[in-house]
Amino acid sequence: MRTFLSELGCLPVSAMIHVPKAQEALDEEGRFQDDPDRWSGYFGRTLGQLSWWAEAAAEQRGKQDPSEVSPAFQRAPAQRNAP
């Protein structure tokens, strides 16, 4: 998915979230049953990266048109290949 999402212009974060056996880790209200502080730190790393990217993107919005820096392909995907 990272490659696909990057092609669409999304900025993926490097930290990933995995919740093995989520049906056992979460209660019916969606709260972690065991060691919620540990889970909070685990999610915090990813959410911190996401927040950083969101702030950086918001700061750049309006400063320069992204198509000026990296124009879209006009003809064919083969334009991606180096000469």
Protein backbone atom coordinates (compact mmCIF):
# COMPACT_ATOMS: atom_id res chain seq x y z
CA MET A 1 0.00 0.00 0.00
CA ARG A 2 2.85 2.42 0.69
CA THR A 3 3.94 2.47 -2.94
CA PHE A 4 0.37 2.88 -4.16
CA LEU A 5 -0.43 5.64 -1.67
CA SER A 6 2.84 7.45 -2.43
CA GLU A 7 1.92 7.43 -6.12
CA LEU A 8 -1.34 9.14 -5.16
CA GLY A 9 0.62 11.85 -3.35
CA CYS A 10 0.10 10.57 0.20
CA LEU A 11 2.93 10.95 2.69
CA PRO A 12 3.26 7.67 4.60
CA VAL A 13 4.84 7.61 8.02
CA SER A 14 7.53 5.05 8.79
CA ALA A 15 6.05 3.91 12.12
CA MET A 16 3.30 1.35 11.72
CA ILE A 17 0.61 0.18 14.12
CA HIS A 18 -0.13 -3.50 14.56
CA VAL A 19 -2.68 -4.80 17.05
CA PRO A 20 -2.45 -8.59 17.01
CA LYS A 21 -5.63 -10.27 18.20
CA ALA A 22 -7.43 -6.93 18.44
CA GLN A 23 -10.58 -8.73 19.57
CA GLU A 24 -8.68 -9.76 22.70
CA ALA A 25 -6.68 -6.56 23.19
CA LEU A 26 -9.68 -4.19 23.10
CA ASP A 27 -12.85 -4.17 25.15
CA GLU A 28 -16.29 -3.51 23.67
CA GLU A 29 -15.79 0.25 24.06
CA GLY A 30 -12.52 0.15 22.06
CA ARG A 31 -10.24 0.66 25.08
CA PHE A 32 -7.18 -1.49 25.66
CA GLN A 33 -7.81 -4.04 28.34
CA ASP A 34 -4.20 -4.54 29.48
CA ASP A 35 -1.46 -1.94 29.93
CA PRO A 36 -3.13 1.07 28.25
CA ASP A 37 -0.08 3.29 28.96
CA ARG A 38 2.13 0.98 26.93
CA TRP A 39 -0.33 1.01 24.03
CA SER A 40 -0.59 4.80 24.26
CA GLY A 41 3.18 5.12 23.82
CA TYR A 42 3.10 2.67 20.93
CA PHE A 43 0.40 4.64 19.12
CA GLY A 44 2.02 7.92 20.12
CA ARG A 45 5.07 7.26 17.95
CA THR A 46 2.98 6.87 14.80
CA LEU A 47 0.59 9.68 15.67
CA GLY A 48 3.56 11.95 16.42
CA GLN A 49 4.99 11.34 12.95
CA LEU A 50 1.58 11.88 11.37
CA SER A 51 1.14 15.13 13.27
CA TRP A 52 4.58 16.33 12.19
CA TRP A 53 3.79 15.64 8.52
CA ALA A 54 0.40 17.35 8.81
CA GLU A 55 1.96 20.49 10.29
CA ALA A 56 4.76 20.52 7.70
CA ALA A 57 2.29 20.09 4.82
CA ALA A 58 0.01 22.80 6.20
CA GLU A 59 2.95 25.19 6.46
CA GLN A 60 3.90 24.56 2.83
CA ARG A 61 0.36 24.88 1.50
CA GLY A 62 0.07 28.00 -0.56
CA LYS A 63 3.82 28.71 -0.70
CA GLN A 64 4.45 26.89 -3.96
CA ASP A 65 2.41 24.83 -6.38
CA PRO A 66 3.64 21.21 -6.13
CA SER A 67 3.24 20.78 -9.89
CA GLU A 68 5.98 23.43 -10.37
CA VAL A 69 8.45 21.32 -8.40
CA SER A 70 7.42 17.95 -9.84
CA PRO A 71 5.23 18.23 -12.92
CA ALA A 72 2.72 15.48 -13.62
CA PHE A 73 3.31 13.04 -16.45
CA GLN A 74 1.61 14.28 -19.59
CA ARG A 75 1.90 11.31 -21.94
CA ALA A 76 2.63 7.90 -20.52
CA PRO A 77 3.94 6.09 -17.46
CA ALA A 78 7.11 5.41 -19.47
CA GLN A 79 8.09 9.01 -18.68
CA ARG A 80 9.14 7.72 -15.27
CA ASN A 81 12.05 5.83 -16.77
CA ALA A 82 15.41 7.51 -16.73
CA PRO A 83 16.87 8.45 -20.14
